[in-house]
Full PDB file with SEQRES, HELIX, SHEET, SSBOND, CRYST1, ORIGX, SCALE, CONECT and MASTER records, all heavy atoms in Angstrom:
SEQRES   1 A   42  GLY GLN ARG ASN ARG TRP GLN GLY ILE VAL VAL TYR GLY          
SEQRES   2 A   42  CYS ILE ARG ASP ALA ASP ASP ILE GLU GLU ILE GLU LEU          
SEQRES   3 A   42  GLY VAL ARG ALA LEU ASP THR HIS PRO LEU LYS SER ILE          
SEQRES   4 A   42  LYS LYS GLY                                                  
HELIX    1 AA1 ALA A   18  ILE A   21  1                                   4    
SHEET    1 AA1 2 GLY A   8  ILE A  15  0                                        
SHEET    2 AA1 2 GLY A  27  THR A  33  1                                        
CRYST1    1.000    1.000    1.000  90.00  90.00  90.00 P 1           1          
ORIGX1      1.000000  0.000000  0.000000        0.00000                         
ORIGX2      0.000000  1.000000  0.000000        0.00000                         
ORIGX3      0.000000  0.000000  1.000000        0.00000                         
SCALE1      1.000000  0.000000  0.000000        0.00000                         
SCALE2      0.000000  1.000000  0.000000        0.00000                         
SCALE3      0.000000  0.000000  1.000000        0.00000                         
ATOM      1  N   GLY A   1     -20.328   0.586  26.791  1.00  0.00           N  
ATOM      2  CA  GLY A   1     -19.491   1.556  27.483  1.00  0.00           C  
ATOM      3  C   GLY A   1     -20.106   2.031  28.785  1.00  0.00           C  
ATOM      4  O   GLY A   1     -19.419   2.136  29.808  1.00  0.00           O  
ATOM      5  N   GLN A   2     -21.398   2.293  28.767  1.00  0.00           N  
ATOM      6  CA  GLN A   2     -22.094   2.714  29.993  1.00  0.00           C  
ATOM      7  C   GLN A   2     -22.043   1.607  31.038  1.00  0.00           C  
ATOM      8  O   GLN A   2     -21.736   1.850  32.202  1.00  0.00           O  
ATOM      9  CB  GLN A   2     -23.546   3.071  29.688  1.00  0.00           C  
ATOM     10  CG  GLN A   2     -24.327   3.441  30.931  1.00  0.00           C  
ATOM     11  CD  GLN A   2     -25.819   3.399  30.708  1.00  0.00           C  
ATOM     12  OE1 GLN A   2     -26.319   2.651  29.876  1.00  0.00           O  
ATOM     13  NE2 GLN A   2     -26.540   4.202  31.458  1.00  0.00           N  
ATOM     14  N   ARG A   3     -22.318   0.403  30.610  1.00  0.00           N  
ATOM     15  CA  ARG A   3     -22.332  -0.744  31.518  1.00  0.00           C  
ATOM     16  C   ARG A   3     -20.967  -0.956  32.177  1.00  0.00           C  
ATOM     17  O   ARG A   3     -20.886  -1.369  33.333  1.00  0.00           O  
ATOM     18  CB  ARG A   3     -22.739  -1.987  30.728  1.00  0.00           C  
ATOM     19  CG  ARG A   3     -23.102  -3.183  31.593  1.00  0.00           C  
ATOM     20  CD  ARG A   3     -23.601  -4.346  30.770  1.00  0.00           C  
ATOM     21  NE  ARG A   3     -24.798  -3.987  30.036  1.00  0.00           N  
ATOM     22  CZ  ARG A   3     -25.079  -4.383  28.786  1.00  0.00           C  
ATOM     23  NH1 ARG A   3     -24.248  -5.159  28.129  1.00  0.00           N  
ATOM     24  NH2 ARG A   3     -26.194  -4.011  28.200  1.00  0.00           N  
ATOM     25  N   ASN A   4     -19.905  -0.656  31.464  1.00  0.00           N  
ATOM     26  CA  ASN A   4     -18.551  -0.870  31.976  1.00  0.00           C  
ATOM     27  C   ASN A   4     -17.943   0.403  32.572  1.00  0.00           C  
ATOM     28  O   ASN A   4     -16.728   0.494  32.716  1.00  0.00           O  
ATOM     29  CB  ASN A   4     -17.663  -1.467  30.885  1.00  0.00           C  
ATOM     30  CG  ASN A   4     -18.022  -2.912  30.627  1.00  0.00           C  
ATOM     31  OD1 ASN A   4     -18.210  -3.683  31.567  1.00  0.00           O  
ATOM     32  ND2 ASN A   4     -18.141  -3.291  29.373  1.00  0.00           N  
ATOM     33  N   ARG A   5     -18.786   1.358  32.897  1.00  0.00           N  
ATOM     34  CA  ARG A   5     -18.426   2.555  33.662  1.00  0.00           C  
ATOM     35  C   ARG A   5     -17.492   3.522  32.943  1.00  0.00           C  
ATOM     36  O   ARG A   5     -16.715   4.230  33.581  1.00  0.00           O  
ATOM     37  CB  ARG A   5     -17.869   2.173  35.028  1.00  0.00           C  
ATOM     38  CG  ARG A   5     -18.879   1.423  35.899  1.00  0.00           C  
ATOM     39  CD  ARG A   5     -18.349   1.026  37.250  1.00  0.00           C  
ATOM     40  NE  ARG A   5     -17.101   0.302  37.254  1.00  0.00           N  
ATOM     41  CZ  ARG A   5     -16.960  -0.995  36.978  1.00  0.00           C  
ATOM     42  NH1 ARG A   5     -17.990  -1.731  36.671  1.00  0.00           N  
ATOM     43  NH2 ARG A   5     -15.771  -1.570  37.020  1.00  0.00           N  
ATOM     44  N   TRP A   6     -17.535   3.567  31.602  1.00  0.00           N  
ATOM     45  CA  TRP A   6     -16.830   4.613  30.883  1.00  0.00           C  
ATOM     46  C   TRP A   6     -17.597   5.913  31.080  1.00  0.00           C  
ATOM     47  O   TRP A   6     -18.830   5.915  31.119  1.00  0.00           O  
ATOM     48  CB  TRP A   6     -16.735   4.275  29.396  1.00  0.00           C  
ATOM     49  CG  TRP A   6     -15.779   3.154  29.111  1.00  0.00           C  
ATOM     50  CD1 TRP A   6     -16.060   1.812  29.148  1.00  0.00           C  
ATOM     51  CD2 TRP A   6     -14.398   3.267  28.799  1.00  0.00           C  
ATOM     52  NE1 TRP A   6     -14.923   1.093  28.867  1.00  0.00           N  
ATOM     53  CE2 TRP A   6     -13.893   1.960  28.645  1.00  0.00           C  
ATOM     54  CE3 TRP A   6     -13.542   4.349  28.622  1.00  0.00           C  
ATOM     55  CZ2 TRP A   6     -12.562   1.714  28.319  1.00  0.00           C  
ATOM     56  CZ3 TRP A   6     -12.216   4.108  28.294  1.00  0.00           C  
ATOM     57  CH2 TRP A   6     -11.737   2.798  28.151  1.00  0.00           C  
ATOM     58  N   GLN A   7     -16.877   7.022  31.206  1.00  0.00           N  
ATOM     59  CA  GLN A   7     -17.520   8.332  31.337  1.00  0.00           C  
ATOM     60  C   GLN A   7     -17.984   8.859  29.988  1.00  0.00           C  
ATOM     61  O   GLN A   7     -18.996   9.535  29.903  1.00  0.00           O  
ATOM     62  CB  GLN A   7     -16.568   9.343  31.984  1.00  0.00           C  
ATOM     63  CG  GLN A   7     -16.281   9.047  33.425  1.00  0.00           C  
ATOM     64  CD  GLN A   7     -17.533   9.113  34.264  1.00  0.00           C  
ATOM     65  OE1 GLN A   7     -18.210  10.133  34.300  1.00  0.00           O  
ATOM     66  NE2 GLN A   7     -17.871   8.019  34.924  1.00  0.00           N  
ATOM     67  N   GLY A   8     -17.202   8.577  28.964  1.00  0.00           N  
ATOM     68  CA  GLY A   8     -17.547   9.108  27.659  1.00  0.00           C  
ATOM     69  C   GLY A   8     -16.661   8.566  26.557  1.00  0.00           C  
ATOM     70  O   GLY A   8     -15.698   7.840  26.799  1.00  0.00           O  
ATOM     71  N   ILE A   9     -17.040   8.983  25.330  1.00  0.00           N  
ATOM     72  CA  ILE A   9     -16.331   8.582  24.121  1.00  0.00           C  
ATOM     73  C   ILE A   9     -16.215   9.817  23.235  1.00  0.00           C  
ATOM     74  O   ILE A   9     -17.208  10.533  23.031  1.00  0.00           O  
ATOM     75  CB  ILE A   9     -17.107   7.490  23.344  1.00  0.00           C  
ATOM     76  CG1 ILE A   9     -17.443   6.293  24.238  1.00  0.00           C  
ATOM     77  CG2 ILE A   9     -16.334   7.046  22.114  1.00  0.00           C  
ATOM     78  CD1 ILE A   9     -18.447   5.332  23.606  1.00  0.00           C  
ATOM     79  N   VAL A  10     -15.030  10.068  22.713  1.00  0.00           N  
ATOM     80  CA  VAL A  10     -14.808  11.122  21.729  1.00  0.00           C  
ATOM     81  C   VAL A  10     -14.384  10.427  20.444  1.00  0.00           C  
ATOM     82  O   VAL A  10     -13.397   9.684  20.437  1.00  0.00           O  
ATOM     83  CB  VAL A  10     -13.727  12.118  22.193  1.00  0.00           C  
ATOM     84  CG1 VAL A  10     -13.438  13.140  21.102  1.00  0.00           C  
ATOM     85  CG2 VAL A  10     -14.148  12.804  23.491  1.00  0.00           C  
ATOM     86  N   VAL A  11     -15.130  10.656  19.364  1.00  0.00           N  
ATOM     87  CA  VAL A  11     -14.879   9.966  18.105  1.00  0.00           C  
ATOM     88  C   VAL A  11     -14.500  10.972  17.021  1.00  0.00           C  
ATOM     89  O   VAL A  11     -15.332  11.798  16.622  1.00  0.00           O  
ATOM     90  CB  VAL A  11     -16.121   9.173  17.638  1.00  0.00           C  
ATOM     91  CG1 VAL A  11     -15.804   8.387  16.363  1.00  0.00           C  
ATOM     92  CG2 VAL A  11     -16.630   8.254  18.723  1.00  0.00           C  
ATOM     93  N   TYR A  12     -13.269  10.895  16.561  1.00  0.00           N  
ATOM     94  CA  TYR A  12     -12.857  11.682  15.399  1.00  0.00           C  
ATOM     95  C   TYR A  12     -13.282  10.882  14.172  1.00  0.00           C  
ATOM     96  O   TYR A  12     -12.496  10.202  13.525  1.00  0.00           O  
ATOM     97  CB  TYR A  12     -11.354  11.939  15.434  1.00  0.00           C  
ATOM     98  CG  TYR A  12     -10.855  12.822  14.315  1.00  0.00           C  
ATOM     99  CD1 TYR A  12     -11.449  14.054  14.045  1.00  0.00           C  
ATOM    100  CD2 TYR A  12      -9.781  12.435  13.531  1.00  0.00           C  
ATOM    101  CE1 TYR A  12     -10.996  14.865  13.024  1.00  0.00           C  
ATOM    102  CE2 TYR A  12      -9.306  13.236  12.506  1.00  0.00           C  
ATOM    103  CZ  TYR A  12      -9.919  14.446  12.255  1.00  0.00           C  
ATOM    104  OH  TYR A  12      -9.458  15.251  11.232  1.00  0.00           O  
ATOM    105  N   GLY A  13     -14.585  10.906  13.954  1.00  0.00           N  
ATOM    106  CA  GLY A  13     -15.260  10.130  12.931  1.00  0.00           C  
ATOM    107  C   GLY A  13     -16.754  10.206  13.234  1.00  0.00           C  
ATOM    108  O   GLY A  13     -17.210  11.153  13.884  1.00  0.00           O  
ATOM    109  N   CYS A  14     -17.509   9.211  12.804  1.00  0.00           N  
ATOM    110  CA  CYS A  14     -18.964   9.225  12.934  1.00  0.00           C  
ATOM    111  C   CYS A  14     -19.489   8.169  13.898  1.00  0.00           C  
ATOM    112  O   CYS A  14     -18.826   7.174  14.175  1.00  0.00           O  
ATOM    113  CB  CYS A  14     -19.607   8.997  11.567  1.00  0.00           C  
ATOM    114  SG  CYS A  14     -19.333  10.337  10.397  1.00  0.00           S  
ATOM    115  N   ILE A  15     -20.712   8.420  14.365  1.00  0.00           N  
ATOM    116  CA  ILE A  15     -21.474   7.445  15.134  1.00  0.00           C  
ATOM    117  C   ILE A  15     -22.777   7.180  14.379  1.00  0.00           C  
ATOM    118  O   ILE A  15     -23.078   7.858  13.394  1.00  0.00           O  
ATOM    119  CB  ILE A  15     -21.788   7.950  16.564  1.00  0.00           C  
ATOM    120  CG1 ILE A  15     -22.747   9.147  16.513  1.00  0.00           C  
ATOM    121  CG2 ILE A  15     -20.513   8.281  17.310  1.00  0.00           C  
ATOM    122  CD1 ILE A  15     -23.470   9.406  17.802  1.00  0.00           C  
ATOM    123  N   ARG A  16     -23.549   6.211  14.858  1.00  0.00           N  
ATOM    124  CA  ARG A  16     -24.890   5.983  14.328  1.00  0.00           C  
ATOM    125  C   ARG A  16     -25.817   5.713  15.503  1.00  0.00           C  
ATOM    126  O   ARG A  16     -25.385   5.668  16.647  1.00  0.00           O  
ATOM    127  CB  ARG A  16     -24.915   4.849  13.310  1.00  0.00           C  
ATOM    128  CG  ARG A  16     -24.619   3.488  13.874  1.00  0.00           C  
ATOM    129  CD  ARG A  16     -24.499   2.492  12.755  1.00  0.00           C  
ATOM    130  NE  ARG A  16     -24.954   1.170  13.156  1.00  0.00           N  
ATOM    131  CZ  ARG A  16     -25.317   0.234  12.320  1.00  0.00           C  
ATOM    132  NH1 ARG A  16     -25.313   0.452  11.035  1.00  0.00           N  
ATOM    133  NH2 ARG A  16     -25.707  -0.937  12.762  1.00  0.00           N  
ATOM    134  N   ASP A  17     -27.104   5.559  15.247  1.00  0.00           N  
ATOM    135  CA  ASP A  17     -28.110   5.358  16.299  1.00  0.00           C  
ATOM    136  C   ASP A  17     -28.133   6.556  17.254  1.00  0.00           C  
ATOM    137  O   ASP A  17     -28.275   6.403  18.468  1.00  0.00           O  
ATOM    138  CB  ASP A  17     -27.840   4.071  17.090  1.00  0.00           C  
ATOM    139  CG  ASP A  17     -27.757   2.837  16.211  1.00  0.00           C  
ATOM    140  OD1 ASP A  17     -28.625   2.685  15.330  1.00  0.00           O  
ATOM    141  OD2 ASP A  17     -26.825   2.036  16.405  1.00  0.00           O  
ATOM    142  N   ALA A  18     -27.986   7.741  16.701  1.00  0.00           N  
ATOM    143  CA  ALA A  18     -27.860   8.955  17.522  1.00  0.00           C  
ATOM    144  C   ALA A  18     -29.050   9.161  18.451  1.00  0.00           C  
ATOM    145  O   ALA A  18     -28.860   9.554  19.609  1.00  0.00           O  
ATOM    146  CB  ALA A  18     -27.679  10.179  16.622  1.00  0.00           C  
ATOM    147  N   ASP A  19     -30.266   8.903  17.993  1.00  0.00           N  
ATOM    148  CA  ASP A  19     -31.441   9.102  18.853  1.00  0.00           C  
ATOM    149  C   ASP A  19     -31.425   8.149  20.037  1.00  0.00           C  
ATOM    150  O   ASP A  19     -31.756   8.533  21.160  1.00  0.00           O  
ATOM    151  CB  ASP A  19     -32.736   8.928  18.049  1.00  0.00           C  
ATOM    152  CG  ASP A  19     -32.932  10.036  17.018  1.00  0.00           C  
ATOM    153  OD1 ASP A  19     -32.343  11.129  17.187  1.00  0.00           O  
ATOM    154  OD2 ASP A  19     -33.669   9.799  16.043  1.00  0.00           O  
ATOM    155  N   ASP A  20     -31.014   6.907  19.811  1.00  0.00           N  
ATOM    156  CA  ASP A  20     -30.924   5.941  20.906  1.00  0.00           C  
ATOM    157  C   ASP A  20     -29.782   6.293  21.859  1.00  0.00           C  
ATOM    158  O   ASP A  20     -29.925   6.175  23.080  1.00  0.00           O  
ATOM    159  CB  ASP A  20     -30.731   4.521  20.357  1.00  0.00           C  
ATOM    160  CG  ASP A  20     -31.943   4.042  19.575  1.00  0.00           C  
ATOM    161  OD1 ASP A  20     -33.075   4.411  19.945  1.00  0.00           O  
ATOM    162  OD2 ASP A  20     -31.755   3.309  18.589  1.00  0.00           O  
ATOM    163  N   ILE A  21     -28.659   6.726  21.321  1.00  0.00           N  
ATOM    164  CA  ILE A  21     -27.508   7.098  22.155  1.00  0.00           C  
ATOM    165  C   ILE A  21     -27.854   8.282  23.051  1.00  0.00           C  
ATOM    166  O   ILE A  21     -27.364   8.381  24.173  1.00  0.00           O  
ATOM    167  CB  ILE A  21     -26.272   7.360  21.272  1.00  0.00           C  
ATOM    168  CG1 ILE A  21     -25.751   6.026  20.712  1.00  0.00           C  
ATOM    169  CG2 ILE A  21     -25.170   8.082  22.057  1.00  0.00           C  
ATOM    170  CD1 ILE A  21     -24.612   6.147  19.732  1.00  0.00           C  
ATOM    171  N   GLU A  22     -28.730   9.133  22.587  1.00  0.00           N  
ATOM    172  CA  GLU A  22     -29.154  10.296  23.391  1.00  0.00           C  
ATOM    173  C   GLU A  22     -29.792   9.863  24.708  1.00  0.00           C  
ATOM    174  O   GLU A  22     -29.752  10.595  25.691  1.00  0.00           O  
ATOM    175  CB  GLU A  22     -30.146  11.145  22.577  1.00  0.00           C  
ATOM    176  CG  GLU A  22     -30.367  12.520  23.123  1.00  0.00           C  
ATOM    177  CD  GLU A  22     -29.141  13.413  23.012  1.00  0.00           C  
ATOM    178  OE1 GLU A  22     -28.357  13.261  22.063  1.00  0.00           O  
ATOM    179  OE2 GLU A  22     -28.966  14.269  23.896  1.00  0.00           O  
ATOM    180  N   GLU A  23     -30.333   8.661  24.759  1.00  0.00           N  
ATOM    181  CA  GLU A  23     -31.007   8.149  25.958  1.00  0.00           C  
ATOM    182  C   GLU A  23     -30.060   7.378  26.892  1.00  0.00           C  
ATOM    183  O   GLU A  23     -30.472   6.935  27.953  1.00  0.00           O  
ATOM    184  CB  GLU A  23     -32.166   7.228  25.546  1.00  0.00           C  
ATOM    185  CG  GLU A  23     -33.203   7.893  24.657  1.00  0.00           C  
ATOM    186  CD  GLU A  23     -33.852   9.090  25.317  1.00  0.00           C  
ATOM    187  OE1 GLU A  23     -34.190   9.000  26.514  1.00  0.00           O  
ATOM    188  OE2 GLU A  23     -34.002  10.124  24.628  1.00  0.00           O  
ATOM    189  N   ILE A  24     -28.811   7.218  26.498  1.00  0.00           N  
ATOM    190  CA  ILE A  24     -27.842   6.439  27.277  1.00  0.00           C  
ATOM    191  C   ILE A  24     -27.008   7.379  28.133  1.00  0.00           C  
ATOM    192  O   ILE A  24     -26.508   8.392  27.638  1.00  0.00           O  
ATOM    193  CB  ILE A  24     -26.959   5.598  26.328  1.00  0.00           C  
ATOM    194  CG1 ILE A  24     -27.838   4.630  25.530  1.00  0.00           C  
ATOM    195  CG2 ILE A  24     -25.876   4.848  27.107  1.00  0.00           C  
ATOM    196  CD1 ILE A  24     -27.135   3.963  24.368  1.00  0.00           C  
ATOM    197  N   GLU A  25     -26.841   7.037  29.403  1.00  0.00           N  
ATOM    198  CA  GLU A  25     -26.071   7.873  30.338  1.00  0.00           C  
ATOM    199  C   GLU A  25     -24.573   7.702  30.067  1.00  0.00           C  
ATOM    200  O   GLU A  25     -23.855   6.999  30.778  1.00  0.00           O  
ATOM    201  CB  GLU A  25     -26.424   7.501  31.779  1.00  0.00           C  
ATOM    202  CG  GLU A  25     -25.761   8.352  32.827  1.00  0.00           C  
ATOM    203  CD  GLU A  25     -26.092   9.836  32.750  1.00  0.00           C  
ATOM    204  OE1 GLU A  25     -27.192  10.213  32.278  1.00  0.00           O  
ATOM    205  OE2 GLU A  25     -25.243  10.637  33.150  1.00  0.00           O  
ATOM    206  N   LEU A  26     -24.130   8.346  28.992  1.00  0.00           N  
ATOM    207  CA  LEU A  26     -22.745   8.299  28.551  1.00  0.00           C  
ATOM    208  C   LEU A  26     -22.493   9.560  27.746  1.00  0.00           C  
ATOM    209  O   LEU A  26     -23.345   9.973  26.954  1.00  0.00           O  
ATOM    210  CB  LEU A  26     -22.522   7.065  27.659  1.00  0.00           C  
ATOM    211  CG  LEU A  26     -21.127   6.831  27.119  1.00  0.00           C  
ATOM    212  CD1 LEU A  26     -20.196   6.341  28.229  1.00  0.00           C  
ATOM    213  CD2 LEU A  26     -21.160   5.802  25.993  1.00  0.00           C  
ATOM    214  N   GLY A  27     -21.354  10.195  27.945  1.00  0.00           N  
ATOM    215  CA  GLY A  27     -21.007  11.347  27.128  1.00  0.00           C  
ATOM    216  C   GLY A  27     -20.449  10.884  25.799  1.00  0.00           C  
ATOM    217  O   GLY A  27     -19.611   9.989  25.752  1.00  0.00           O  
ATOM    218  N   VAL A  28     -20.924  11.485  24.714  1.00  0.00           N  
ATOM    219  CA  VAL A  28     -20.436  11.126  23.381  1.00  0.00           C  
ATOM    220  C   VAL A  28     -20.269  12.399  22.560  1.00  0.00           C  
ATOM    221  O   VAL A  28     -21.178  13.228  22.508  1.00  0.00           O  
ATOM    222  CB  VAL A  28     -21.401  10.163  22.645  1.00  0.00           C  
ATOM    223  CG1 VAL A  28     -20.883   9.831  21.249  1.00  0.00           C  
ATOM    224  CG2 VAL A  28     -21.616   8.883  23.449  1.00  0.00           C  
ATOM    225  N   ARG A  29     -19.103  12.517  21.938  1.00  0.00           N  
ATOM    226  CA  ARG A  29     -18.853  13.575  20.969  1.00  0.00           C  
ATOM    227  C   ARG A  29     -18.335  12.917  19.713  1.00  0.00           C  
ATOM    228  O   ARG A  29     -17.539  11.969  19.771  1.00  0.00           O  
ATOM    229  CB  ARG A  29     -17.812  14.580  21.467  1.00  0.00           C  
ATOM    230  CG  ARG A  29     -18.215  15.374  22.685  1.00  0.00           C  
ATOM    231  CD  ARG A  29     -19.391  16.301  22.408  1.00  0.00           C  
ATOM    232  NE  ARG A  29     -19.656  17.211  23.506  1.00  0.00           N  
ATOM    233  CZ  ARG A  29     -20.360  16.924  24.592  1.00  0.00           C  
ATOM    234  NH1 ARG A  29     -20.860  15.718  24.748  1.00  0.00           N  
ATOM    235  NH2 ARG A  29     -20.573  17.835  25.523  1.00  0.00           N  
ATOM    236  N   ALA A  30     -18.795  13.399  18.561  1.00  0.00           N  
ATOM    237  CA  ALA A  30     -18.362  12.862  17.272  1.00  0.00           C  
ATOM    238  C   ALA A  30     -18.479  13.963  16.233  1.00  0.00           C  
ATOM    239  O   ALA A  30     -19.134  14.987  16.469  1.00  0.00           O  
ATOM    240  CB  ALA A  30     -19.214  11.657  16.873  1.00  0.00           C  
ATOM    241  N   LEU A  31     -17.869  13.738  15.080  1.00  0.00           N  
ATOM    242  CA  LEU A  31     -17.955  14.721  14.010  1.00  0.00           C  
ATOM    243  C   LEU A  31     -19.355  14.792  13.428  1.00  0.00           C  
ATOM    244  O   LEU A  31     -19.841  15.862  13.099  1.00  0.00           O  
ATOM    245  CB  LEU A  31     -16.954  14.390  12.897  1.00  0.00           C  
ATOM    246  CG  LEU A  31     -15.476  14.452  13.282  1.00  0.00           C  
ATOM    247  CD1 LEU A  31     -14.612  14.045  12.097  1.00  0.00           C  
ATOM    248  CD2 LEU A  31     -15.099  15.828  13.798  1.00  0.00           C  
ATOM    249  N   ASP A  32     -20.013  13.619  13.300  1.00  0.00           N  
ATOM    250  CA  ASP A  32     -21.354  13.579  12.713  1.00  0.00           C  
ATOM    251  C   ASP A  32     -21.907  12.159  12.848  1.00  0.00           C  
ATOM    252  O   ASP A  32     -21.314  11.320  13.523  1.00  0.00           O  
ATOM    253  CB  ASP A  32     -21.307  13.993  11.243  1.00  0.00           C  
ATOM    254  CG  ASP A  32     -22.537  14.802  10.835  1.00  0.00           C  
ATOM    255  OD1 ASP A  32     -23.652  14.481  11.302  1.00  0.00           O  
ATOM    256  OD2 ASP A  32     -22.386  15.744  10.048  1.00  0.00           O  
ATOM    257  N   THR A  33     -23.013  11.926  12.165  1.00  0.00           N  
ATOM    258  CA  THR A  33     -23.622  10.597  12.158  1.00  0.00           C  
ATOM    259  C   THR A  33     -23.557  10.016  10.749  1.00  0.00           C  
ATOM    260  O   THR A  33     -23.456  10.749   9.764  1.00  0.00           O  
ATOM    261  CB  THR A  33     -25.102  10.652  12.600  1.00  0.00           C  
ATOM    262  OG1 THR A  33     -25.826  11.487  11.693  1.00  0.00           O  
ATOM    263  CG2 THR A  33     -25.214  11.186  14.008  1.00  0.00           C  
ATOM    264  N   HIS A  34     -23.611   8.689  10.686  1.00  0.00           N  
ATOM    265  CA  HIS A  34     -23.631   7.972   9.411  1.00  0.00           C  
ATOM    266  C   HIS A  34     -24.326   6.638   9.675  1.00  0.00           C  
ATOM    267  O   HIS A  34     -23.976   5.947  10.625  1.00  0.00           O  
ATOM    268  CB  HIS A  34     -22.202   7.738   8.917  1.00  0.00           C  
ATOM    269  CG  HIS A  34     -22.131   7.399   7.469  1.00  0.00           C  
ATOM    270  ND1 HIS A  34     -22.633   6.231   6.943  1.00  0.00           N  
ATOM    271  CD2 HIS A  34     -21.619   8.086   6.433  1.00  0.00           C  
ATOM    272  CE1 HIS A  34     -22.430   6.211   5.653  1.00  0.00           C  
ATOM    273  NE2 HIS A  34     -21.810   7.328   5.303  1.00  0.00           N  
ATOM    274  N   PRO A  35     -25.296   6.239   8.847  1.00  0.00           N  
ATOM    275  CA  PRO A  35     -26.036   5.008   9.133  1.00  0.00           C  
ATOM    276  C   PRO A  35     -25.283   3.711   8.852  1.00  0.00           C  
ATOM    277  O   PRO A  35     -25.663   2.658   9.364  1.00  0.00           O  
ATOM    278  CB  PRO A  35     -27.266   5.119   8.224  1.00  0.00           C  
ATOM    279  CG  PRO A  35     -26.837   5.998   7.100  1.00  0.00           C  
ATOM    280  CD  PRO A  35     -25.849   6.965   7.696  1.00  0.00           C  
ATOM    281  N   LEU A  36     -24.203   3.753   8.091  1.00  0.00           N  
ATOM    282  CA  LEU A  36     -23.477   2.533   7.722  1.00  0.00           C  
ATOM    283  C   LEU A  36     -22.531   2.108   8.836  1.00  0.00           C  
ATOM    284  O   LEU A  36     -21.752   2.914   9.337  1.00  0.00           O  
ATOM    285  CB  LEU A  36     -22.673   2.774   6.438  1.00  0.00           C  
ATOM    286  CG  LEU A  36     -21.875   1.583   5.901  1.00  0.00           C  
ATOM    287  CD1 LEU A  36     -22.805   0.472   5.439  1.00  0.00           C  
ATOM    288  CD2 LEU A  36     -20.970   2.047   4.763  1.00  0.00           C  
ATOM    289  N   LYS A  37     -22.593   0.817   9.218  1.00  0.00           N  
ATOM    290  CA  LYS A  37     -21.653   0.321  10.232  1.00  0.00           C  
ATOM    291  C   LYS A  37     -20.291   0.080   9.598  1.00  0.00           C  
ATOM    292  O   LYS A  37     -20.159  -0.063   8.383  1.00  0.00           O  
ATOM    293  CB  LYS A  37     -22.182  -0.927  10.909  1.00  0.00           C  
ATOM    294  CG  LYS A  37     -22.321  -2.140  10.022  1.00  0.00           C  
ATOM    295  CD  LYS A  37     -22.900  -3.301  10.823  1.00  0.00           C  
ATOM    296  CE  LYS A  37     -23.184  -4.489   9.930  1.00  0.00           C  
ATOM    297  NZ  LYS A  37     -23.744  -5.603  10.693  1.00  0.00           N  
ATOM    298  N   SER A  38     -19.279   0.005  10.443  1.00  0.00           N  
ATOM    299  CA  SER A  38     -17.910  -0.180   9.961  1.00  0.00           C  
ATOM    300  C   SER A  38     -17.640  -1.649   9.652  1.00  0.00           C  
ATOM    301  O   SER A  38     -18.411  -2.536  10.011  1.00  0.00           O  
ATOM    302  CB  SER A  38     -16.921   0.312  11.014  1.00  0.00           C  
ATOM    303  OG  SER A  38     -16.804  -0.638  12.044  1.00  0.00           O  
ATOM    304  N   ILE A  39     -16.483  -1.876   9.044  1.00  0.00           N  
ATOM    305  CA  ILE A  39     -16.013  -3.241   8.837  1.00  0.00           C  
ATOM    306  C   ILE A  39     -15.422  -3.754  10.153  1.00  0.00           C  
ATOM    307  O   ILE A  39     -15.219  -2.989  11.092  1.00  0.00           O  
ATOM    308  CB  ILE A  39     -14.960  -3.310   7.706  1.00  0.00           C  
ATOM    309  CG1 ILE A  39     -13.754  -2.430   8.058  1.00  0.00           C  
ATOM    310  CG2 ILE A  39     -15.575  -2.912   6.378  1.00  0.00           C  
ATOM    311  CD1 ILE A  39     -12.580  -2.581   7.121  1.00  0.00           C  
ATOM    312  N   LYS A  40     -15.139  -5.034  10.210  1.00  0.00           N  
ATOM    313  CA  LYS A  40     -14.571  -5.635  11.416  1.00  0.00           C  
ATOM    314  C   LYS A  40     -13.459  -6.597  11.020  1.00  0.00           C  
ATOM    315  O   LYS A  40     -13.682  -7.771  10.821  1.00  0.00           O  
ATOM    316  CB  LYS A  40     -15.665  -6.335  12.216  1.00  0.00           C  
ATOM    317  CG  LYS A  40     -16.584  -5.335  12.897  1.00  0.00           C  
ATOM    318  CD  LYS A  40     -17.940  -5.923  13.182  1.00  0.00           C  
ATOM    319  CE  LYS A  40     -18.881  -4.923  13.799  1.00  0.00           C  
ATOM    320  NZ  LYS A  40     -19.122  -3.727  13.020  1.00  0.00           N  
ATOM    321  N   LYS A  41     -12.263  -6.032  10.931  1.00  0.00           N  
ATOM    322  CA  LYS A  41     -11.091  -6.839  10.588  1.00  0.00           C  
ATOM    323  C   LYS A  41     -10.086  -6.878  11.730  1.00  0.00           C  
ATOM    324  O   LYS A  41      -9.055  -7.521  11.611  1.00  0.00           O  
ATOM    325  CB  LYS A  41     -10.412  -6.289   9.334  1.00  0.00           C  
ATOM    326  CG  LYS A  41     -11.241  -6.442   8.074  1.00  0.00           C  
ATOM    327  CD  LYS A  41     -10.462  -5.990   6.866  1.00  0.00           C  
ATOM    328  CE  LYS A  41     -11.291  -6.190   5.597  1.00  0.00           C  
ATOM    329  NZ  LYS A  41     -10.575  -5.725   4.408  1.00  0.00           N  
ATOM    330  N   GLY A  42     -10.369  -6.157  12.816  1.00  0.00           N  
ATOM    331  CA  GLY A  42      -9.461  -6.155  13.953  1.00  0.00           C  
ATOM    332  C   GLY A  42      -8.206  -5.337  13.736  1.00  0.00           C  
ATOM    333  O   GLY A  42      -7.193  -5.566  14.389  1.00  0.00           O  
TER     334      GLY A  42                                                      
MASTER        0    0    0    1    2    0    0    6  333    1    0    4          
END                                                                             
């Protein structure tokens, strides 16, 4: 998202890698964190 010039992401759900995301020049808001990645079914 940062590389493609997005200003930010608002997630009505969870993110992970919060400590690493803190170092990325991108605004992020989410309900909380969760270590499990999502499924990918499209």
